[in-house]
């Protein structure tokens, strides 16, 4: 049996969409990409294949297929283009979430972004609006991006909480700022490490519902940094037994996800 999911990554060119995808997945995925054509735009398509880590035998195994759509800039899109694009993706698989990227100082049409967000919310697709390359462009420009995100999302839901530099808007959206790769400014002798990725992964994970959680878990299965650093938060959120999880960590070493994913999916199945 096979289950298919998709994740949509939107934003202008040169805002770090591909870098964010690689940071979320915990490895380079561009090498396994293929291209699609949508109208006059080129869409990158990354496909991840996963076998069900919770299956006891081959007969009961489920193969998960996660397709990540890396879209071109949406500046020239029309509302009809946006809705047609998402409709086509929804026909192929069940979208887990939409991730929109904007870097400080990048050009973004809020009316076009509103079409995307509105289409997603109407279709029950979770939205994550992310200010990428957060240290490039300065604090004021970064804050303006986040202010624009907040202004847009509050049209749909009031902000319900602000945790770990992530703002949540009910069960429909979140916004945050991240640094996907090491940032260096030699003129000012400044260096900033990767920041906010693990928190973003966890924020999306805890916001999703039902079987979409499985799609997201398998998307980030290779991200050792996430599974290691966010262990306590994962245990608490999924109400997992500390001794059981510790045993998996001890037995699997770096292959942390191999141990945790079956437990998470087992909890998920009990809730469905």
Protein backbone atom coordinates (compact mmCIF):
# COMPACT_ATOMS: atom_id res chain seq x y z
CA UNK A 1 0.00 0.00 0.00
CA UNK A 2 1.24 3.49 -0.84
CA UNK A 3 0.40 6.86 0.67
CA UNK A 4 1.22 10.08 -1.14
CA UNK A 5 1.67 13.53 0.32
CA UNK A 6 2.92 16.85 -0.96
CA UNK A 7 4.52 19.97 0.45
CA UNK A 8 4.43 23.26 -1.44
CA UNK A 9 7.25 25.80 -1.10
CA UNK A 10 6.49 29.24 -2.53
CA UNK A 11 8.28 32.57 -2.71
CA UNK A 12 10.31 34.85 -4.93
CA UNK A 13 13.53 33.71 -6.55
CA UNK A 14 16.76 34.01 -4.55
CA UNK A 15 15.07 33.99 -1.15
CA UNK A 16 16.49 30.64 -0.06
CA UNK A 17 13.66 28.22 -0.83
CA UNK A 18 15.94 25.35 -1.86
CA UNK A 19 18.25 25.93 1.07
CA UNK A 20 15.31 25.82 3.42
CA UNK A 21 14.08 22.57 1.87
CA UNK A 22 17.51 21.01 2.35
CA UNK A 23 17.70 22.28 5.92
CA UNK A 24 14.28 20.83 6.76
CA UNK A 25 15.05 17.47 5.18
CA UNK A 26 18.46 17.29 6.80
CA UNK A 27 20.21 16.51 3.54
CA UNK A 28 20.60 17.65 -0.05
CA UNK A 29 17.48 16.78 -2.02
CA UNK A 30 18.02 18.84 -5.19
CA UNK A 31 20.04 16.00 -6.76
CA UNK A 32 16.90 13.86 -6.99
CA UNK A 33 14.74 16.59 -8.50
CA UNK A 34 12.89 16.65 -11.78
CA UNK A 35 11.12 19.55 -13.42
CA UNK A 36 7.50 20.17 -14.27
CA UNK A 37 5.94 22.92 -16.32
CA UNK A 38 3.04 24.93 -15.02
CA UNK A 39 1.88 27.53 -17.51
CA UNK A 40 5.13 29.34 -18.38
CA UNK A 41 6.81 28.64 -15.04
CA UNK A 42 9.30 25.97 -14.09
CA UNK A 43 8.50 24.03 -10.95
CA UNK A 44 11.11 21.87 -9.23
CA UNK A 45 9.79 18.60 -7.90
CA UNK A 46 11.65 16.68 -5.17
CA UNK A 47 10.38 13.18 -4.38
CA UNK A 48 11.19 11.35 -1.14
CA UNK A 49 10.40 7.65 -0.80
CA UNK A 50 10.01 6.10 2.64
CA UNK A 51 9.13 2.63 3.91
CA UNK A 52 6.85 2.40 6.93
CA UNK A 53 9.17 2.12 9.93
CA UNK A 54 6.33 0.85 12.12
CA UNK A 55 5.44 -2.17 9.94
CA UNK A 56 6.12 -5.60 11.43
CA UNK A 57 6.27 -7.38 8.07
CA UNK A 58 6.36 -6.65 4.36
CA UNK A 59 2.69 -7.49 3.90
CA UNK A 60 1.60 -4.70 6.24
CA UNK A 61 4.23 -2.22 5.06
CA UNK A 62 3.21 1.17 3.73
CA UNK A 63 5.37 3.09 1.32
CA UNK A 64 5.23 6.83 1.80
CA UNK A 65 5.90 9.15 -1.10
CA UNK A 66 6.43 12.83 -0.28
CA UNK A 67 6.65 15.30 -3.16
CA UNK A 68 8.07 18.74 -2.43
CA UNK A 69 7.05 21.35 -5.01
CA UNK A 70 9.53 24.23 -5.20
CA UNK A 71 7.64 26.90 -7.13
CA UNK A 72 8.94 29.91 -9.06
CA UNK A 73 8.19 33.41 -7.84
CA UNK A 74 4.52 34.29 -7.54
CA UNK A 75 4.89 37.98 -8.45
CA UNK A 76 3.46 37.48 -11.93
CA UNK A 77 0.77 35.01 -10.91
CA UNK A 78 -2.91 35.75 -11.19
CA UNK A 79 -5.49 34.57 -8.68
CA UNK A 80 -6.74 32.05 -11.23
CA UNK A 81 -3.16 30.79 -11.67
CA UNK A 82 -2.79 30.31 -7.91
CA UNK A 83 -6.05 28.41 -7.49
CA UNK A 84 -5.43 26.27 -10.57
CA UNK A 85 -1.93 25.41 -9.36
CA UNK A 86 -3.06 24.27 -5.93
CA UNK A 87 -6.01 22.39 -7.40
CA UNK A 88 -3.64 20.39 -9.59
CA UNK A 89 -1.42 19.52 -6.64
CA UNK A 90 -4.40 18.45 -4.53
CA UNK A 91 -5.48 16.09 -7.30
CA UNK A 92 -2.10 14.34 -7.13
CA UNK A 93 -1.78 13.92 -3.37
CA UNK A 94 -2.80 15.17 0.04
CA UNK A 95 -0.92 18.43 0.80
CA UNK A 96 0.69 18.45 4.22
CA UNK A 97 1.44 22.17 4.29
CA UNK A 98 2.41 25.25 2.29
CA UNK A 99 5.66 27.00 3.18
CA UNK A 100 6.09 30.56 1.90
CA UNK A 101 9.56 32.12 1.97
CA UNK A 102 10.58 35.78 1.92
CA UNK A 103 13.98 37.16 2.85
CA UNK A 104 14.59 40.62 4.37
CA UNK A 105 14.29 43.19 1.63
CA UNK A 106 12.90 40.77 -0.95
CA UNK A 107 10.02 41.80 -3.14
CA UNK A 108 6.68 40.29 -2.17
CA UNK A 109 3.19 41.11 -3.33
CA UNK A 110 0.99 40.72 -0.29
CA UNK A 111 -2.14 40.55 -2.42
CA UNK A 112 -0.70 37.56 -4.29
CA UNK A 113 0.41 35.95 -1.04
CA UNK A 114 -3.10 36.49 0.29
CA UNK A 115 -4.48 34.50 -2.64
CA UNK A 116 -2.12 31.65 -1.76
CA UNK A 117 -2.97 31.72 1.95
CA UNK A 118 -6.68 32.05 1.30
CA UNK A 119 -6.63 29.09 -1.10
CA UNK A 120 -4.72 26.99 1.42
CA UNK A 121 -6.98 27.81 4.35
CA UNK A 122 -10.08 27.09 2.27
CA UNK A 123 -8.53 23.74 1.32
CA UNK A 124 -7.43 22.89 4.88
CA UNK A 125 -3.72 23.19 4.05
CA UNK A 126 -1.57 24.46 6.92
CA UNK A 127 0.47 27.60 6.13
CA UNK A 128 3.97 28.36 7.39
CA UNK A 129 5.21 31.83 6.45
CA UNK A 130 8.98 31.96 6.89
CA UNK A 131 11.43 34.84 6.78
CA UNK A 132 14.51 33.09 5.39
CA UNK A 133 18.11 34.34 5.56
CA UNK A 134 17.03 36.27 8.63
CA UNK A 135 20.39 38.01 9.17
CA UNK A 136 20.75 39.14 5.57
CA UNK A 137 19.40 42.66 5.18
CA UNK A 138 19.28 43.77 8.77
CA UNK A 139 16.86 43.72 11.66
CA UNK A 140 14.48 46.39 10.36
CA UNK A 141 13.87 44.60 7.06
CA UNK A 142 13.45 41.27 8.85
CA UNK A 143 10.93 42.78 11.23
CA UNK A 144 9.02 44.29 8.31
CA UNK A 145 8.68 40.86 6.68
CA UNK A 146 7.37 39.40 9.93
CA UNK A 147 5.05 42.38 10.40
CA UNK A 148 3.62 41.81 6.91
CA UNK A 149 3.12 38.11 7.68
CA UNK A 150 1.33 38.94 10.93
CA UNK A 151 -0.87 41.55 9.25
CA UNK A 152 -1.96 39.01 6.65
CA UNK A 153 -2.55 36.05 8.96
CA UNK A 154 -4.57 38.02 11.52
CA UNK A 155 -7.18 38.52 8.80
CA UNK A 156 -7.98 34.83 9.23
CA UNK A 157 -7.10 34.06 12.86
CA UNK A 158 -5.89 36.01 15.84
CA UNK A 159 -2.44 35.06 17.09
CA UNK A 160 -2.98 32.36 19.72
CA UNK A 161 0.54 31.99 21.10
CA UNK A 162 4.17 33.03 20.62
CA UNK A 163 6.71 30.31 21.48
CA UNK A 164 10.36 29.85 20.54
CA UNK A 165 10.18 32.85 18.18
CA UNK A 166 7.23 31.31 16.33
CA UNK A 167 3.82 32.95 16.19
CA UNK A 168 0.85 30.61 15.85
CA UNK A 169 -2.53 31.52 14.41
CA UNK A 170 -4.94 28.90 15.63
CA UNK A 171 -4.63 25.64 13.73
CA UNK A 172 -4.24 27.27 10.31
CA UNK A 173 -0.85 29.00 10.20
CA UNK A 174 2.40 30.11 11.81
CA UNK A 175 5.15 32.57 10.99
CA UNK A 176 8.80 32.75 12.00
CA UNK A 177 12.31 33.70 10.89
CA UNK A 178 15.14 31.21 10.27
CA UNK A 179 18.73 31.02 9.14
CA UNK A 180 19.04 27.95 6.89
CA UNK A 181 22.81 28.06 6.42
CA UNK A 182 25.71 29.71 8.22
CA UNK A 183 25.69 33.47 7.58
CA UNK A 184 28.98 35.39 7.49
CA UNK A 185 29.66 39.09 7.07
CA UNK A 186 33.43 39.50 6.89
CA UNK A 187 33.22 43.29 6.75
CA UNK A 188 31.69 43.33 10.23
CA UNK A 189 33.38 40.14 11.43
CA UNK A 190 29.96 38.61 12.06
CA UNK A 191 29.01 34.95 11.89
CA UNK A 192 25.59 33.43 12.58
CA UNK A 193 24.97 29.70 12.75
CA UNK A 194 21.96 27.82 11.42
CA UNK A 195 19.01 28.93 13.52
CA UNK A 196 15.29 28.27 13.89
CA UNK A 197 15.05 25.19 11.63
CA UNK A 198 14.40 22.62 14.36
CA UNK A 199 11.84 24.87 15.99
CA UNK A 200 10.08 25.37 12.66
CA UNK A 201 9.94 21.61 12.05
CA UNK A 202 8.48 21.08 15.51
CA UNK A 203 6.03 23.94 15.07
CA UNK A 204 4.64 22.43 11.89
CA UNK A 205 4.64 18.94 13.41
CA UNK A 206 2.55 20.02 16.39
CA UNK A 207 0.15 22.01 14.21
CA UNK A 208 -0.78 19.24 11.77
CA UNK A 209 -3.67 16.88 12.21
CA UNK A 210 -4.46 13.25 11.53
CA UNK A 211 -2.37 11.38 8.97
CA UNK A 212 -0.65 14.53 7.73
CA UNK A 213 1.63 14.13 10.75
CA UNK A 214 2.99 10.93 9.21
CA UNK A 215 3.76 12.74 5.95
CA UNK A 216 5.69 15.46 7.79
CA UNK A 217 7.53 13.00 10.05
CA UNK A 218 8.82 11.10 7.04
CA UNK A 219 9.78 14.34 5.30
CA UNK A 220 12.18 15.23 8.13
CA UNK A 221 13.20 11.63 8.96
CA UNK A 222 16.85 12.23 7.96
CA UNK A 223 17.25 15.39 10.01
CA UNK A 224 19.38 14.05 12.86
CA UNK A 225 19.74 17.51 14.41
CA UNK A 226 15.97 17.81 14.83
CA UNK A 227 15.39 14.37 16.33
CA UNK A 228 18.29 14.80 18.72
CA UNK A 229 17.87 18.39 19.91
CA UNK A 230 14.06 18.33 20.14
CA UNK A 231 13.83 15.00 21.98
CA UNK A 232 12.29 16.39 25.16
CA UNK A 233 9.70 18.45 23.29
CA UNK A 234 8.72 15.45 21.14
CA UNK A 235 8.31 13.23 24.20
CA UNK A 236 6.15 15.81 25.93
CA UNK A 237 3.93 16.63 22.96
CA UNK A 238 3.22 13.04 21.96
CA UNK A 239 3.05 11.92 25.60
CA UNK A 240 5.69 9.27 25.00
CA UNK A 241 7.23 7.23 27.79
CA UNK A 242 10.67 8.59 28.64
CA UNK A 243 12.28 5.16 29.33
CA UNK A 244 11.00 3.75 26.02
CA UNK A 245 12.33 6.67 24.00
CA UNK A 246 15.66 6.61 25.83
CA UNK A 247 16.01 2.92 24.96
CA UNK A 248 15.53 3.70 21.28
CA UNK A 249 18.10 6.49 21.47
CA UNK A 250 20.60 4.15 23.10
CA UNK A 251 19.98 1.33 20.62
CA UNK A 252 19.80 3.29 17.39
CA UNK A 253 22.43 5.94 17.98
CA UNK A 254 22.44 8.38 15.09
CA UNK A 255 19.47 6.66 13.44
CA UNK A 256 17.20 8.38 15.90
CA UNK A 257 14.21 8.63 13.60
CA UNK A 258 14.27 4.86 13.10
CA UNK A 259 13.36 4.51 16.74
CA UNK A 260 11.03 7.45 17.26
CA UNK A 261 8.93 7.31 14.11
CA UNK A 262 7.26 3.95 14.93
CA UNK A 263 6.33 5.27 18.38
CA UNK A 264 4.91 8.50 17.01
CA UNK A 265 2.95 6.68 14.31
CA UNK A 266 1.61 4.23 16.88
CA UNK A 267 0.33 7.15 18.97
CA UNK A 268 -1.13 8.72 15.84
CA UNK A 269 -2.98 5.53 14.85
CA UNK A 270 -4.55 5.28 18.28
CA UNK A 271 -5.93 8.81 17.90
CA UNK A 272 -7.38 8.28 14.41
